[in-house]
Amino acid sequence: MKLFYFELIGLICFFISGLFFIVAGIRSGDYLSTIGSIVWTCACVLWLFPVLSRRNSEW
């Protein structure tokens, strides 16, 4: 398995954990945690773009 796939799977797991933290923050009423989780999840999405753009060069 290429290194690209390990990086992609790890990044997707970071994104999913961000979604879980958003839900946990909303359920507990902790707005700071919710905002931090939204920023984390958005950063994971932004990080995903360069990783996917490198896909063609690594195949």
N, C-alpha and C. Protein backbone atom coordinates (compact mmCIF):
# COMPACT_ATOMS: atom_id res chain seq x y z
N MET A 1 0.85 -1.18 0.00
CA MET A 1 0.00 0.00 0.00
C MET A 1 0.89 1.24 0.00
N LYS A 2 0.58 2.18 -0.85
CA LYS A 2 1.41 3.37 -0.96
C LYS A 2 1.20 4.31 0.22
N LEU A 3 2.20 5.12 0.45
CA LEU A 3 2.16 6.08 1.54
C LEU A 3 0.98 7.04 1.40
N PHE A 4 0.60 7.34 0.17
CA PHE A 4 -0.53 8.23 -0.09
C PHE A 4 -1.80 7.72 0.58
N TYR A 5 -2.05 6.43 0.49
CA TYR A 5 -3.28 5.87 1.06
C TYR A 5 -3.28 5.94 2.58
N PHE A 6 -2.13 5.72 3.22
CA PHE A 6 -2.05 5.85 4.67
C PHE A 6 -2.34 7.29 5.10
N GLU A 7 -1.77 8.24 4.36
CA GLU A 7 -2.02 9.64 4.68
C GLU A 7 -3.49 10.01 4.47
N LEU A 8 -4.08 9.51 3.41
CA LEU A 8 -5.49 9.80 3.13
C LEU A 8 -6.40 9.19 4.18
N ILE A 9 -6.16 7.96 4.57
CA ILE A 9 -6.98 7.30 5.59
C ILE A 9 -6.84 8.02 6.93
N GLY A 10 -5.63 8.42 7.29
CA GLY A 10 -5.43 9.16 8.53
C GLY A 10 -6.15 10.49 8.53
N LEU A 11 -6.12 11.17 7.40
CA LEU A 11 -6.79 12.46 7.28
C LEU A 11 -8.30 12.31 7.35
N ILE A 12 -8.83 11.27 6.75
CA ILE A 12 -10.28 11.01 6.83
C ILE A 12 -10.68 10.70 8.27
N CYS A 13 -9.83 9.97 8.98
CA CYS A 13 -10.12 9.68 10.40
C CYS A 13 -10.09 10.95 11.24
N PHE A 14 -9.14 11.86 10.96
CA PHE A 14 -9.13 13.16 11.64
C PHE A 14 -10.43 13.91 11.39
N PHE A 15 -10.90 13.89 10.14
CA PHE A 15 -12.14 14.57 9.78
C PHE A 15 -13.32 13.98 10.54
N ILE A 16 -13.41 12.66 10.59
CA ILE A 16 -14.51 11.99 11.29
C ILE A 16 -14.46 12.30 12.79
N SER A 17 -13.26 12.31 13.37
CA SER A 17 -13.16 12.63 14.80
C SER A 17 -13.60 14.07 15.05
N GLY A 18 -13.32 14.97 14.12
CA GLY A 18 -13.80 16.35 14.25
C GLY A 18 -15.31 16.42 14.28
N LEU A 19 -15.95 15.61 13.43
CA LEU A 19 -17.42 15.58 13.43
C LEU A 19 -17.96 15.07 14.76
N PHE A 20 -17.32 14.04 15.31
CA PHE A 20 -17.75 13.52 16.61
C PHE A 20 -17.58 14.58 17.71
N PHE A 21 -16.47 15.33 17.66
CA PHE A 21 -16.26 16.37 18.66
C PHE A 21 -17.27 17.51 18.51
N ILE A 22 -17.68 17.82 17.28
CA ILE A 22 -18.72 18.83 17.08
C ILE A 22 -20.01 18.39 17.74
N VAL A 23 -20.39 17.15 17.51
CA VAL A 23 -21.63 16.62 18.11
C VAL A 23 -21.52 16.61 19.63
N ALA A 24 -20.37 16.20 20.15
CA ALA A 24 -20.19 16.16 21.61
C ALA A 24 -20.25 17.56 22.20
N GLY A 25 -19.66 18.54 21.52
CA GLY A 25 -19.71 19.91 22.01
C GLY A 25 -21.11 20.48 22.00
N ILE A 26 -21.87 20.17 20.96
CA ILE A 26 -23.25 20.65 20.89
C ILE A 26 -24.10 20.00 21.98
N ARG A 27 -23.92 18.70 22.17
CA ARG A 27 -24.73 18.00 23.18
C ARG A 27 -24.41 18.47 24.59
N SER A 28 -23.15 18.84 24.85
CA SER A 28 -22.79 19.29 26.19
C SER A 28 -23.03 20.78 26.39
N GLY A 29 -23.29 21.50 25.31
CA GLY A 29 -23.52 22.93 25.42
C GLY A 29 -22.24 23.74 25.54
N ASP A 30 -21.11 23.14 25.24
CA ASP A 30 -19.82 23.81 25.33
C ASP A 30 -19.51 24.48 23.99
N TYR A 31 -19.73 25.79 23.94
CA TYR A 31 -19.57 26.50 22.67
C TYR A 31 -18.12 26.61 22.24
N LEU A 32 -17.20 26.75 23.18
CA LEU A 32 -15.78 26.84 22.84
C LEU A 32 -15.30 25.54 22.20
N SER A 33 -15.72 24.42 22.76
CA SER A 33 -15.38 23.12 22.19
C SER A 33 -15.99 22.94 20.80
N THR A 34 -17.21 23.40 20.64
CA THR A 34 -17.89 23.29 19.35
C THR A 34 -17.18 24.13 18.29
N ILE A 35 -16.83 25.36 18.64
CA ILE A 35 -16.13 26.23 17.69
C ILE A 35 -14.76 25.66 17.33
N GLY A 36 -14.04 25.18 18.33
CA GLY A 36 -12.74 24.57 18.07
C GLY A 36 -12.85 23.34 17.18
N SER A 37 -13.89 22.56 17.38
CA SER A 37 -14.10 21.37 16.56
C SER A 37 -14.47 21.73 15.13
N ILE A 38 -15.22 22.79 14.96
CA ILE A 38 -15.57 23.24 13.61
C ILE A 38 -14.32 23.73 12.88
N VAL A 39 -13.47 24.48 13.58
CA VAL A 39 -12.22 24.94 12.98
C VAL A 39 -11.34 23.74 12.62
N TRP A 40 -11.24 22.76 13.51
CA TRP A 40 -10.45 21.55 13.25
C TRP A 40 -10.97 20.82 12.01
N THR A 41 -12.28 20.65 11.90
CA THR A 41 -12.87 19.93 10.77
C THR A 41 -12.65 20.70 9.47
N CYS A 42 -12.80 22.01 9.51
CA CYS A 42 -12.55 22.82 8.30
C CYS A 42 -11.08 22.74 7.89
N ALA A 43 -10.18 22.73 8.87
CA ALA A 43 -8.76 22.60 8.55
C ALA A 43 -8.46 21.25 7.92
N CYS A 44 -9.13 20.21 8.37
CA CYS A 44 -8.95 18.88 7.76
C CYS A 44 -9.42 18.87 6.31
N VAL A 45 -10.52 19.57 6.04
CA VAL A 45 -11.02 19.65 4.66
C VAL A 45 -10.02 20.41 3.79
N LEU A 46 -9.49 21.52 4.31
CA LEU A 46 -8.50 22.29 3.55
C LEU A 46 -7.22 21.48 3.33
N TRP A 47 -6.85 20.66 4.30
CA TRP A 47 -5.66 19.82 4.20
C TRP A 47 -5.88 18.71 3.17
N LEU A 48 -7.12 18.32 2.98
CA LEU A 48 -7.45 17.24 2.05
C LEU A 48 -7.20 17.65 0.60
N PHE A 49 -7.39 18.92 0.26
CA PHE A 49 -7.21 19.37 -1.13
C PHE A 49 -5.79 19.14 -1.65
N PRO A 50 -4.73 19.58 -0.94
CA PRO A 50 -3.40 19.31 -1.48
C PRO A 50 -3.03 17.83 -1.49
N VAL A 51 -3.56 17.08 -0.53
CA VAL A 51 -3.28 15.64 -0.52
C VAL A 51 -3.89 14.98 -1.75
N LEU A 52 -5.12 15.34 -2.07
CA LEU A 52 -5.76 14.75 -3.24
C LEU A 52 -5.15 15.26 -4.54
N SER A 53 -4.64 16.48 -4.55
CA SER A 53 -4.02 16.99 -5.78
C SER A 53 -2.69 16.30 -6.06
N ARG A 54 -2.02 15.77 -5.02
CA ARG A 54 -0.78 15.01 -5.21
C ARG A 54 -1.04 13.59 -5.70
N ARG A 55 -2.29 13.17 -5.66
CA ARG A 55 -2.64 11.79 -6.00
C ARG A 55 -2.12 11.42 -7.38
N ASN A 56 -2.29 12.27 -8.36
CA ASN A 56 -1.88 11.94 -9.72
C ASN A 56 -0.37 11.84 -9.86
N SER A 57 0.37 12.58 -9.08
CA SER A 57 1.83 12.54 -9.21
C SER A 57 2.43 11.32 -8.52
N GLU A 58 1.70 10.68 -7.60
CA GLU A 58 2.25 9.55 -6.86
C GLU A 58 1.84 8.21 -7.45
N TRP A 59 0.95 8.20 -8.44
CA TRP A 59 0.51 6.93 -8.99
C TRP A 59 1.43 6.45 -10.03
